[in-house]
Amino acid sequence: MAALLNKINDAMKDAMRAKAKDRLGTIRLLTAAIKQYQVDNRVEDVADDTVLAILDKMVKQRRESIKAFQEAGREELAAIEQAEIEVLSDFLPTPLTDEEIAELITAAIAQSGAESMRDMGKVMAILKPQLQGRADMGAVSGKIKAQLS
């Protein structure tokens, strides 16, 4: 079993013991998403990078929900989504700084030999494993476009 999955299971047990209902609910949503991945892909063990991808997706969904709730004036629902992001972030690796991201982008462009926007896929293929769970890929994509244009 993956180390990250063990950490998630331990956190769920701790939340149960502490009777932290909201935290437990969010962790259960995460474990349900992981189990759904296992069923959909017919796998028993899930690697840490797959769990990170699931976590990334869940955080991104919540950020989009927060934006929609705030536009609709539903601050109480946005606060719930923000609390879920904080719980999910406990399992993500430390985010990279803007300088670190810029260095990785520059190195990836040099490594791939990218010269124009047509080569963006090559750059993203190099960066995605390095940045998974550590940076917002949408923002990274914008920075790559700025450097390639």
N, C-alpha and C. Protein backbone atom coordinates (compact mmCIF):
# COMPACT_ATOMS: atom_id res chain seq x y z
N MET A 1 0.85 -1.18 0.00
CA MET A 1 0.00 0.00 0.00
C MET A 1 0.89 1.25 0.00
N ALA A 2 0.48 2.25 -0.70
CA ALA A 2 1.25 3.47 -0.84
C ALA A 2 1.34 4.22 0.49
N ALA A 3 2.44 4.91 0.69
CA ALA A 3 2.67 5.66 1.93
C ALA A 3 1.61 6.74 2.12
N LEU A 4 1.25 7.40 1.04
CA LEU A 4 0.25 8.47 1.13
C LEU A 4 -1.11 7.90 1.52
N LEU A 5 -1.43 6.73 1.01
CA LEU A 5 -2.70 6.08 1.35
C LEU A 5 -2.72 5.70 2.83
N ASN A 6 -1.58 5.24 3.34
CA ASN A 6 -1.47 4.95 4.77
C ASN A 6 -1.69 6.21 5.60
N LYS A 7 -1.10 7.31 5.16
CA LYS A 7 -1.26 8.59 5.87
C LYS A 7 -2.73 9.01 5.90
N ILE A 8 -3.42 8.82 4.79
CA ILE A 8 -4.84 9.17 4.71
C ILE A 8 -5.66 8.29 5.65
N ASN A 9 -5.39 7.00 5.66
CA ASN A 9 -6.12 6.09 6.54
C ASN A 9 -5.86 6.41 8.01
N ASP A 10 -4.62 6.74 8.35
CA ASP A 10 -4.30 7.12 9.72
C ASP A 10 -5.02 8.41 10.11
N ALA A 11 -5.08 9.37 9.19
CA ALA A 11 -5.78 10.62 9.46
C ALA A 11 -7.27 10.38 9.67
N MET A 12 -7.82 9.43 8.93
CA MET A 12 -9.24 9.11 9.10
C MET A 12 -9.48 8.53 10.49
N LYS A 13 -8.61 7.64 10.92
CA LYS A 13 -8.75 7.06 12.26
C LYS A 13 -8.62 8.13 13.34
N ASP A 14 -7.66 9.04 13.16
CA ASP A 14 -7.47 10.12 14.13
C ASP A 14 -8.70 11.02 14.18
N ALA A 15 -9.28 11.31 13.02
CA ALA A 15 -10.48 12.16 12.97
C ALA A 15 -11.65 11.47 13.66
N MET A 16 -11.74 10.13 13.50
CA MET A 16 -12.80 9.39 14.17
C MET A 16 -12.63 9.48 15.69
N ARG A 17 -11.40 9.26 16.15
CA ARG A 17 -11.13 9.30 17.60
C ARG A 17 -11.41 10.68 18.18
N ALA A 18 -11.05 11.72 17.43
CA ALA A 18 -11.22 13.09 17.89
C ALA A 18 -12.65 13.59 17.68
N LYS A 19 -13.47 12.78 17.02
CA LYS A 19 -14.85 13.16 16.69
C LYS A 19 -14.89 14.47 15.90
N ALA A 20 -13.93 14.62 14.99
CA ALA A 20 -13.86 15.78 14.10
C ALA A 20 -14.71 15.47 12.88
N LYS A 21 -15.99 15.76 13.00
CA LYS A 21 -16.98 15.37 12.00
C LYS A 21 -16.69 15.94 10.60
N ASP A 22 -16.38 17.22 10.52
CA ASP A 22 -16.14 17.84 9.21
C ASP A 22 -14.89 17.28 8.55
N ARG A 23 -13.81 17.16 9.33
CA ARG A 23 -12.56 16.61 8.80
C ARG A 23 -12.77 15.16 8.34
N LEU A 24 -13.47 14.39 9.15
CA LEU A 24 -13.75 12.99 8.81
C LEU A 24 -14.55 12.90 7.51
N GLY A 25 -15.52 13.77 7.35
CA GLY A 25 -16.34 13.76 6.13
C GLY A 25 -15.51 14.02 4.88
N THR A 26 -14.59 14.98 4.99
CA THR A 26 -13.73 15.30 3.84
C THR A 26 -12.79 14.14 3.53
N ILE A 27 -12.23 13.54 4.56
CA ILE A 27 -11.32 12.40 4.34
C ILE A 27 -12.08 11.23 3.74
N ARG A 28 -13.31 11.03 4.17
CA ARG A 28 -14.12 9.96 3.58
C ARG A 28 -14.42 10.22 2.11
N LEU A 29 -14.63 11.49 1.75
CA LEU A 29 -14.82 11.83 0.33
C LEU A 29 -13.57 11.46 -0.47
N LEU A 30 -12.41 11.73 0.11
CA LEU A 30 -11.15 11.40 -0.54
C LEU A 30 -10.99 9.89 -0.71
N THR A 31 -11.26 9.14 0.34
CA THR A 31 -11.12 7.69 0.24
C THR A 31 -12.14 7.11 -0.75
N ALA A 32 -13.32 7.71 -0.82
CA ALA A 32 -14.31 7.26 -1.79
C ALA A 32 -13.82 7.52 -3.22
N ALA A 33 -13.18 8.66 -3.44
CA ALA A 33 -12.65 8.97 -4.77
C ALA A 33 -11.54 7.98 -5.15
N ILE A 34 -10.73 7.62 -4.17
CA ILE A 34 -9.65 6.65 -4.43
C ILE A 34 -10.24 5.28 -4.75
N LYS A 35 -11.23 4.87 -3.97
CA LYS A 35 -11.88 3.58 -4.23
C LYS A 35 -12.56 3.57 -5.59
N GLN A 36 -13.16 4.69 -5.96
CA GLN A 36 -13.81 4.80 -7.27
C GLN A 36 -12.78 4.64 -8.38
N TYR A 37 -11.60 5.22 -8.19
CA TYR A 37 -10.52 5.06 -9.16
C TYR A 37 -10.14 3.59 -9.28
N GLN A 38 -10.03 2.91 -8.13
CA GLN A 38 -9.66 1.50 -8.13
C GLN A 38 -10.69 0.66 -8.89
N VAL A 39 -11.96 0.95 -8.68
CA VAL A 39 -13.02 0.20 -9.35
C VAL A 39 -13.02 0.49 -10.85
N ASP A 40 -12.92 1.78 -11.18
CA ASP A 40 -12.96 2.17 -12.59
C ASP A 40 -11.80 1.59 -13.39
N ASN A 41 -10.63 1.51 -12.76
CA ASN A 41 -9.43 1.06 -13.47
C ASN A 41 -9.04 -0.37 -13.13
N ARG A 42 -9.85 -1.03 -12.33
CA ARG A 42 -9.63 -2.43 -11.95
C ARG A 42 -8.22 -2.68 -11.43
N VAL A 43 -7.84 -1.87 -10.45
CA VAL A 43 -6.55 -2.03 -9.80
C VAL A 43 -6.77 -2.19 -8.30
N GLU A 44 -5.86 -2.90 -7.64
CA GLU A 44 -5.97 -3.06 -6.20
C GLU A 44 -5.15 -2.02 -5.46
N ASP A 45 -3.92 -1.82 -5.90
CA ASP A 45 -3.04 -0.86 -5.25
C ASP A 45 -2.99 0.43 -6.06
N VAL A 46 -2.97 1.54 -5.35
CA VAL A 46 -2.93 2.85 -5.99
C VAL A 46 -1.60 3.50 -5.61
N ALA A 47 -0.86 3.95 -6.60
CA ALA A 47 0.44 4.59 -6.36
C ALA A 47 0.23 6.00 -5.80
N ASP A 48 1.27 6.50 -5.14
CA ASP A 48 1.21 7.84 -4.56
C ASP A 48 0.93 8.91 -5.61
N ASP A 49 1.51 8.77 -6.80
CA ASP A 49 1.29 9.79 -7.83
C ASP A 49 -0.16 9.82 -8.29
N THR A 50 -0.82 8.67 -8.27
CA THR A 50 -2.25 8.62 -8.62
C THR A 50 -3.08 9.29 -7.54
N VAL A 51 -2.73 9.03 -6.28
CA VAL A 51 -3.44 9.66 -5.17
C VAL A 51 -3.24 11.18 -5.24
N LEU A 52 -2.03 11.61 -5.58
CA LEU A 52 -1.78 13.06 -5.72
C LEU A 52 -2.64 13.65 -6.83
N ALA A 53 -2.79 12.93 -7.93
CA ALA A 53 -3.62 13.41 -9.03
C ALA A 53 -5.08 13.53 -8.57
N ILE A 54 -5.55 12.57 -7.80
CA ILE A 54 -6.93 12.62 -7.28
C ILE A 54 -7.08 13.81 -6.33
N LEU A 55 -6.09 14.00 -5.45
CA LEU A 55 -6.13 15.14 -4.54
C LEU A 55 -6.14 16.46 -5.30
N ASP A 56 -5.28 16.57 -6.31
CA ASP A 56 -5.23 17.77 -7.14
C ASP A 56 -6.59 18.07 -7.75
N LYS A 57 -7.21 17.04 -8.29
CA LYS A 57 -8.51 17.20 -8.94
C LYS A 57 -9.56 17.67 -7.93
N MET A 58 -9.54 17.08 -6.74
CA MET A 58 -10.52 17.46 -5.73
C MET A 58 -10.33 18.90 -5.27
N VAL A 59 -9.08 19.33 -5.10
CA VAL A 59 -8.81 20.70 -4.69
C VAL A 59 -9.24 21.67 -5.79
N LYS A 60 -8.96 21.32 -7.03
CA LYS A 60 -9.35 22.17 -8.15
C LYS A 60 -10.88 22.32 -8.22
N GLN A 61 -11.60 21.22 -8.01
CA GLN A 61 -13.06 21.27 -8.03
C GLN A 61 -13.57 22.21 -6.94
N ARG A 62 -12.96 22.14 -5.77
CA ARG A 62 -13.41 22.98 -4.67
C ARG A 62 -13.09 24.46 -4.93
N ARG A 63 -11.97 24.74 -5.56
CA ARG A 63 -11.65 26.13 -5.90
C ARG A 63 -12.67 26.69 -6.88
N GLU A 64 -13.06 25.88 -7.85
CA GLU A 64 -14.07 26.31 -8.82
C GLU A 64 -15.41 26.54 -8.12
N SER A 65 -15.74 25.66 -7.16
CA SER A 65 -16.99 25.81 -6.41
C SER A 65 -16.96 27.09 -5.57
N ILE A 66 -15.83 27.37 -4.95
CA ILE A 66 -15.72 28.59 -4.14
C ILE A 66 -15.98 29.81 -5.01
N LYS A 67 -15.40 29.83 -6.18
CA LYS A 67 -15.59 30.97 -7.10
C LYS A 67 -17.07 31.12 -7.45
N ALA A 68 -17.73 30.00 -7.77
CA ALA A 68 -19.15 30.05 -8.13
C ALA A 68 -20.01 30.49 -6.94
N PHE A 69 -19.70 29.98 -5.75
CA PHE A 69 -20.47 30.35 -4.56
C PHE A 69 -20.30 31.83 -4.23
N GLN A 70 -19.08 32.34 -4.37
CA GLN A 70 -18.85 33.75 -4.07
C GLN A 70 -19.56 34.65 -5.07
N GLU A 71 -19.57 34.24 -6.33
CA GLU A 71 -20.30 35.02 -7.34
C GLU A 71 -21.79 35.03 -7.06
N ALA A 72 -22.29 33.95 -6.46
CA ALA A 72 -23.71 33.85 -6.15
C ALA A 72 -24.04 34.43 -4.77
N GLY A 73 -23.01 34.91 -4.05
CA GLY A 73 -23.25 35.49 -2.74
C GLY A 73 -23.49 34.47 -1.65
N ARG A 74 -23.02 33.25 -1.83
CA ARG A 74 -23.21 32.18 -0.85
C ARG A 74 -21.90 31.94 -0.08
N GLU A 75 -21.54 32.89 0.74
CA GLU A 75 -20.27 32.84 1.46
C GLU A 75 -20.19 31.65 2.42
N GLU A 76 -21.32 31.24 2.99
CA GLU A 76 -21.30 30.11 3.93
C GLU A 76 -20.91 28.81 3.22
N LEU A 77 -21.37 28.64 1.99
CA LEU A 77 -20.99 27.45 1.22
C LEU A 77 -19.53 27.54 0.76
N ALA A 78 -19.08 28.74 0.43
CA ALA A 78 -17.68 28.93 0.05
C ALA A 78 -16.77 28.61 1.22
N ALA A 79 -17.20 28.95 2.44
CA ALA A 79 -16.40 28.66 3.64
C ALA A 79 -16.27 27.15 3.86
N ILE A 80 -17.33 26.42 3.60
CA ILE A 80 -17.29 24.95 3.74
C ILE A 80 -16.30 24.37 2.74
N GLU A 81 -16.36 24.83 1.51
CA GLU A 81 -15.43 24.35 0.48
C GLU A 81 -13.99 24.68 0.84
N GLN A 82 -13.77 25.88 1.40
CA GLN A 82 -12.42 26.29 1.80
C GLN A 82 -11.90 25.39 2.92
N ALA A 83 -12.78 25.03 3.86
CA ALA A 83 -12.37 24.13 4.94
C ALA A 83 -11.98 22.76 4.38
N GLU A 84 -12.70 22.30 3.36
CA GLU A 84 -12.35 21.02 2.73
C GLU A 84 -11.00 21.10 2.02
N ILE A 85 -10.72 22.23 1.38
CA ILE A 85 -9.41 22.42 0.73
C ILE A 85 -8.30 22.32 1.77
N GLU A 86 -8.51 22.92 2.94
CA GLU A 86 -7.49 22.88 3.98
C GLU A 86 -7.23 21.46 4.45
N VAL A 87 -8.28 20.65 4.57
CA VAL A 87 -8.10 19.26 4.98
C VAL A 87 -7.34 18.50 3.89
N LEU A 88 -7.74 18.67 2.64
CA LEU A 88 -7.10 17.97 1.52
C LEU A 88 -5.64 18.41 1.37
N SER A 89 -5.35 19.66 1.67
CA SER A 89 -3.99 20.18 1.53
C SER A 89 -3.03 19.53 2.51
N ASP A 90 -3.55 18.98 3.59
CA ASP A 90 -2.69 18.28 4.56
C ASP A 90 -1.97 17.10 3.91
N PHE A 91 -2.54 16.56 2.85
CA PHE A 91 -1.97 15.37 2.21
C PHE A 91 -1.14 15.70 0.97
N LEU A 92 -1.16 16.97 0.57
CA LEU A 92 -0.38 17.39 -0.59
C LEU A 92 1.04 17.76 -0.16
N PRO A 93 2.02 17.58 -1.04
CA PRO A 93 3.38 18.00 -0.70
C PRO A 93 3.46 19.52 -0.61
N THR A 94 4.54 20.01 -0.06
CA THR A 94 4.74 21.44 0.10
C THR A 94 4.70 22.13 -1.27
N PRO A 95 3.89 23.18 -1.41
CA PRO A 95 3.81 23.88 -2.70
C PRO A 95 5.14 24.54 -3.07
N LEU A 96 5.40 24.62 -4.35
CA LEU A 96 6.60 25.27 -4.84
C LEU A 96 6.40 26.79 -4.87
N THR A 97 7.49 27.53 -4.70
CA THR A 97 7.42 28.98 -4.81
C THR A 97 7.40 29.36 -6.29
N ASP A 98 7.05 30.62 -6.56
CA ASP A 98 7.02 31.10 -7.95
C ASP A 98 8.41 31.01 -8.60
N GLU A 99 9.45 31.28 -7.81
CA GLU A 99 10.81 31.22 -8.34
C GLU A 99 11.17 29.79 -8.72
N GLU A 100 10.82 28.83 -7.87
CA GLU A 100 11.12 27.42 -8.15
C GLU A 100 10.37 26.95 -9.40
N ILE A 101 9.12 27.38 -9.53
CA ILE A 101 8.33 27.02 -10.71
C ILE A 101 8.97 27.61 -11.96
N ALA A 102 9.38 28.87 -11.88
CA ALA A 102 10.01 29.53 -13.04
C ALA A 102 11.30 28.80 -13.45
N GLU A 103 12.09 28.37 -12.46
CA GLU A 103 13.32 27.63 -12.76
C GLU A 103 13.00 26.31 -13.46
N LEU A 104 11.99 25.59 -12.96
CA LEU A 104 11.62 24.31 -13.57
C LEU A 104 11.11 24.51 -14.99
N ILE A 105 10.34 25.58 -15.22
CA ILE A 105 9.83 25.86 -16.56
C ILE A 105 10.99 26.15 -17.51
N THR A 106 11.92 26.98 -17.07
CA THR A 106 13.08 27.31 -17.91
C THR A 106 13.88 26.06 -18.25
N ALA A 107 14.10 25.20 -17.25
CA ALA A 107 14.85 23.96 -17.47
C ALA A 107 14.10 23.03 -18.43
N ALA A 108 12.78 22.95 -18.28
CA ALA A 108 11.98 22.06 -19.13
C ALA A 108 11.98 22.56 -20.58
N ILE A 109 11.93 23.87 -20.76
CA ILE A 109 11.97 24.43 -22.12
C ILE A 109 13.31 24.12 -22.76
N ALA A 110 14.38 24.28 -21.99
CA ALA A 110 15.72 23.98 -22.52
C ALA A 110 15.86 22.49 -22.83
N GLN A 111 15.35 21.65 -21.94
CA GLN A 111 15.46 20.19 -22.11
C GLN A 111 14.69 19.71 -23.33
N SER A 112 13.51 20.28 -23.55
CA SER A 112 12.67 19.83 -24.67
C SER A 112 13.05 20.51 -25.99
N GLY A 113 13.79 21.60 -25.90
CA GLY A 113 14.14 22.34 -27.11
C GLY A 113 12.95 23.09 -27.67
N ALA A 114 11.99 23.43 -26.83
CA ALA A 114 10.77 24.13 -27.28
C ALA A 114 11.11 25.52 -27.77
N GLU A 115 10.48 25.89 -28.88
CA GLU A 115 10.73 27.20 -29.47
C GLU A 115 9.46 28.02 -29.64
N SER A 116 8.32 27.34 -29.71
CA SER A 116 7.06 28.06 -29.94
C SER A 116 5.93 27.36 -29.19
N MET A 117 4.74 27.91 -29.35
CA MET A 117 3.56 27.36 -28.68
C MET A 117 3.27 25.92 -29.12
N ARG A 118 3.70 25.55 -30.32
CA ARG A 118 3.47 24.19 -30.81
C ARG A 118 4.18 23.15 -29.95
N ASP A 119 5.23 23.58 -29.26
CA ASP A 119 6.02 22.67 -28.43
C ASP A 119 5.57 22.64 -26.98
N MET A 120 4.48 23.28 -26.67
CA MET A 120 4.02 23.38 -25.28
C MET A 120 3.73 22.01 -24.68
N GLY A 121 3.20 21.10 -25.46
CA GLY A 121 2.91 19.75 -24.96
C GLY A 121 4.15 19.03 -24.47
N LYS A 122 5.26 19.23 -25.16
CA LYS A 122 6.52 18.62 -24.74
C LYS A 122 6.95 19.15 -23.38
N VAL A 123 6.82 20.45 -23.21
CA VAL A 123 7.21 21.09 -21.95
C VAL A 123 6.30 20.61 -20.81
N MET A 124 5.00 20.56 -21.07
CA MET A 124 4.05 20.12 -20.04
C MET A 124 4.31 18.66 -19.66
N ALA A 125 4.68 17.83 -20.63
CA ALA A 125 4.96 16.42 -20.34
C ALA A 125 6.14 16.28 -19.40
N ILE A 126 7.11 17.15 -19.53
CA ILE A 126 8.27 17.12 -18.63
C ILE A 126 7.90 17.64 -17.25
N LEU A 127 7.11 18.71 -17.21
CA LEU A 127 6.81 19.38 -15.95
C LEU A 127 5.76 18.69 -15.10
N LYS A 128 4.79 18.05 -15.72
CA LYS A 128 3.66 17.51 -14.96
C LYS A 128 4.09 16.57 -13.83
N PRO A 129 4.98 15.60 -14.06
CA PRO A 129 5.38 14.73 -12.94
C PRO A 129 6.10 15.49 -11.82
N GLN A 130 6.83 16.54 -12.18
CA GLN A 130 7.57 17.30 -11.19
C GLN A 130 6.68 18.21 -10.36
N LEU A 131 5.59 18.68 -10.96
CA LEU A 131 4.74 19.67 -10.31
C LEU A 131 3.44 19.10 -9.73
N GLN A 132 3.17 17.81 -9.96
CA GLN A 132 1.92 17.20 -9.53
C GLN A 132 1.70 17.42 -8.03
N GLY A 133 0.63 18.10 -7.70
CA GLY A 133 0.28 18.34 -6.31
C GLY A 133 1.06 19.47 -5.66
N ARG A 134 2.00 20.06 -6.38
CA ARG A 134 2.84 21.10 -5.79
C ARG A 134 2.60 22.47 -6.42
N ALA A 135 1.83 22.51 -7.51
CA ALA A 135 1.56 23.78 -8.18
C ALA A 135 0.26 23.66 -8.98
N ASP A 136 -0.39 24.80 -9.20
CA ASP A 136 -1.60 24.84 -10.01
C ASP A 136 -1.18 24.76 -11.47
N MET A 137 -1.55 23.67 -12.13
CA MET A 137 -1.10 23.44 -13.50
C MET A 137 -1.67 24.49 -14.47
N GLY A 138 -2.82 25.05 -14.16
CA GLY A 138 -3.39 26.11 -15.00
C GLY A 138 -2.51 27.35 -14.99
N ALA A 139 -2.03 27.72 -13.81
CA ALA A 139 -1.14 28.88 -13.69
C ALA A 139 0.20 28.59 -14.36
N VAL A 140 0.69 27.37 -14.19
CA VAL A 140 1.95 26.97 -14.83
C VAL A 140 1.81 27.06 -16.34
N SER A 141 0.69 26.61 -16.87
CA SER A 141 0.44 26.66 -18.30
C SER A 141 0.52 28.11 -18.81
N GLY A 142 -0.04 29.03 -18.07
CA GLY A 142 0.02 30.45 -18.45
C GLY A 142 1.45 30.97 -18.46
N LYS A 143 2.24 30.54 -17.48
CA LYS A 143 3.64 30.97 -17.43
C LYS A 143 4.44 30.40 -18.59
N ILE A 144 4.14 29.15 -18.97
CA ILE A 144 4.84 28.54 -20.10
C ILE A 144 4.48 29.30 -21.38
N LYS A 145 3.19 29.61 -21.55
CA LYS A 145 2.77 30.36 -22.74
C LYS A 145 3.48 31.70 -22.82
N ALA A 146 3.64 32.35 -21.68
CA ALA A 146 4.31 33.66 -21.66
C ALA A 146 5.76 33.53 -22.09
N GLN A 147 6.42 32.46 -21.67
CA GLN A 147 7.83 32.29 -22.04
C GLN A 147 8.00 31.86 -23.49
N LEU A 148 7.04 31.09 -24.01
CA LEU A 148 7.18 30.58 -25.38
C LEU A 148 6.72 31.58 -26.45
N SER A 149 5.95 32.59 -26.03
CA SER A 149 5.47 33.53 -27.05
C SER A 149 6.32 34.78 -27.12
